[in-house]
Amino acid sequence: MPITLEHIAAKPLQENSKAKGVRTWDTIQYLSALDKACQDTVFHEQVSNLPKEYTRLDEMARDEKEYSLNIFDFFFEPTADIICDDIKSTLDFYYSNSPTFR
């Protein structure tokens, strides 16, 4: 015997949703939203003390026509091993103490 469906109602779709998410290039806004959502003290400390370069990178990302964002060159220039070791030890600390970073 075939199954038939009667009296089904569906909610109408909202065509013009005005809610906006954080854009992918708005790093500072994204980190702030993540900070509020996670309630992680270690993560909050890091987000609250971002260097000016992070803000500058966000500004560059908004104006890609002017800068063309050579992010690889900006962040991954050759570095000394001692610097890499310092960064690794710092990141290891954050990963071990912050569930948000994990």
Protein backbone atom coordinates (compact mmCIF):
# COMPACT_ATOMS: atom_id res chain seq x y z
CA MET A 1 0.00 0.00 0.00
CA PRO A 2 1.54 3.36 -0.99
CA ILE A 3 2.17 5.98 1.68
CA THR A 4 0.60 9.40 1.05
CA LEU A 5 1.29 12.63 2.84
CA GLU A 6 -1.53 15.02 3.61
CA HIS A 7 -1.77 18.34 5.39
CA ILE A 8 1.93 19.12 5.32
CA ALA A 9 2.89 22.69 6.11
CA ALA A 10 6.29 24.21 5.62
CA LYS A 11 7.67 27.45 6.93
CA PRO A 12 8.17 30.00 4.16
CA LEU A 13 11.81 30.72 3.41
CA GLN A 14 13.17 34.10 4.34
CA GLU A 15 14.51 35.41 1.07
CA ASN A 16 16.19 38.53 2.38
CA SER A 17 18.13 37.53 5.44
CA LYS A 18 19.94 40.53 6.88
CA ALA A 19 22.25 38.53 9.14
CA LYS A 20 25.85 38.80 8.06
CA GLY A 21 28.67 36.57 9.10
CA VAL A 22 32.26 37.61 9.60
CA ARG A 23 33.98 37.84 6.24
CA THR A 24 36.96 35.56 5.74
CA TRP A 25 39.38 38.45 5.49
CA ASP A 26 38.16 40.12 8.69
CA THR A 27 40.60 38.24 10.89
CA ILE A 28 40.31 40.56 13.87
CA GLN A 29 36.50 40.35 13.93
CA TYR A 30 36.66 36.57 13.52
CA LEU A 31 39.11 36.19 16.41
CA SER A 32 36.98 38.47 18.58
CA ALA A 33 33.85 36.43 17.85
CA LEU A 34 35.74 33.21 18.56
CA ASP A 35 37.07 34.71 21.79
CA LYS A 36 33.53 35.58 22.98
CA ALA A 37 32.21 32.15 22.03
CA CYS A 38 34.98 30.06 23.62
CA GLN A 39 35.55 31.85 26.96
CA ASP A 40 39.20 30.69 26.93
CA THR A 41 41.53 32.84 29.07
CA VAL A 42 44.74 31.96 27.19
CA PHE A 43 43.09 32.62 23.82
CA HIS A 44 41.58 35.87 25.14
CA GLU A 45 45.00 37.08 26.26
CA GLN A 46 46.42 36.45 22.80
CA VAL A 47 43.52 38.06 20.94
CA SER A 48 43.60 41.10 23.22
CA ASN A 49 47.30 41.73 22.57
CA LEU A 50 47.55 41.39 18.80
CA PRO A 51 50.43 43.24 17.17
CA LYS A 52 49.75 46.10 14.75
CA GLU A 53 50.90 43.88 11.84
CA TYR A 54 47.73 41.78 12.20
CA THR A 55 45.54 44.84 11.85
CA ARG A 56 47.61 45.98 8.89
CA LEU A 57 47.16 42.60 7.19
CA ASP A 58 43.38 42.89 7.61
CA GLU A 59 43.51 46.31 5.96
CA MET A 60 45.58 44.90 3.10
CA ALA A 61 43.13 42.05 2.59
CA ARG A 62 40.23 44.47 2.21
CA ASP A 63 42.05 46.23 -0.62
CA GLU A 64 43.34 43.30 -2.68
CA LYS A 65 43.40 45.34 -5.90
CA GLU A 66 46.11 47.57 -4.48
CA TYR A 67 48.19 45.03 -2.59
CA SER A 68 47.55 41.66 -4.31
CA LEU A 69 48.38 40.01 -0.98
CA ASN A 70 51.68 38.24 -1.27
CA ILE A 71 50.96 36.62 2.06
CA PHE A 72 53.45 33.81 1.52
CA ASP A 73 56.31 36.31 1.09
CA PHE A 74 54.98 38.40 3.96
CA PHE A 75 55.05 35.55 6.49
CA PHE A 76 57.36 32.85 5.18
CA GLU A 77 60.60 34.54 4.30
CA PRO A 78 63.63 32.40 5.25
CA THR A 79 64.20 32.53 9.00
CA ALA A 80 66.93 31.38 11.31
CA ASP A 81 66.39 28.04 13.07
CA ILE A 82 66.60 29.71 16.48
CA ILE A 83 63.57 31.85 15.61
CA CYS A 84 61.64 28.78 14.48
CA ASP A 85 62.50 27.03 17.77
CA ASP A 86 61.24 30.04 19.75
CA ILE A 87 58.00 30.10 17.78
CA LYS A 88 57.52 26.36 18.18
CA SER A 89 58.02 26.49 21.95
CA THR A 90 55.57 29.40 22.21
CA LEU A 91 52.96 27.60 20.12
CA ASP A 92 53.47 24.38 22.10
CA PHE A 93 52.65 26.32 25.27
CA TYR A 94 49.44 27.74 23.79
CA TYR A 95 48.34 24.41 22.35
CA SER A 96 48.85 22.66 25.68
CA ASN A 97 47.09 25.36 27.75
CA SER A 98 44.29 26.54 25.47
CA PRO A 99 41.47 24.34 24.19
CA THR A 100 40.61 27.00 21.59
CA PHE A 101 44.07 26.87 20.03
CA ARG A 102 43.85 23.08 19.88
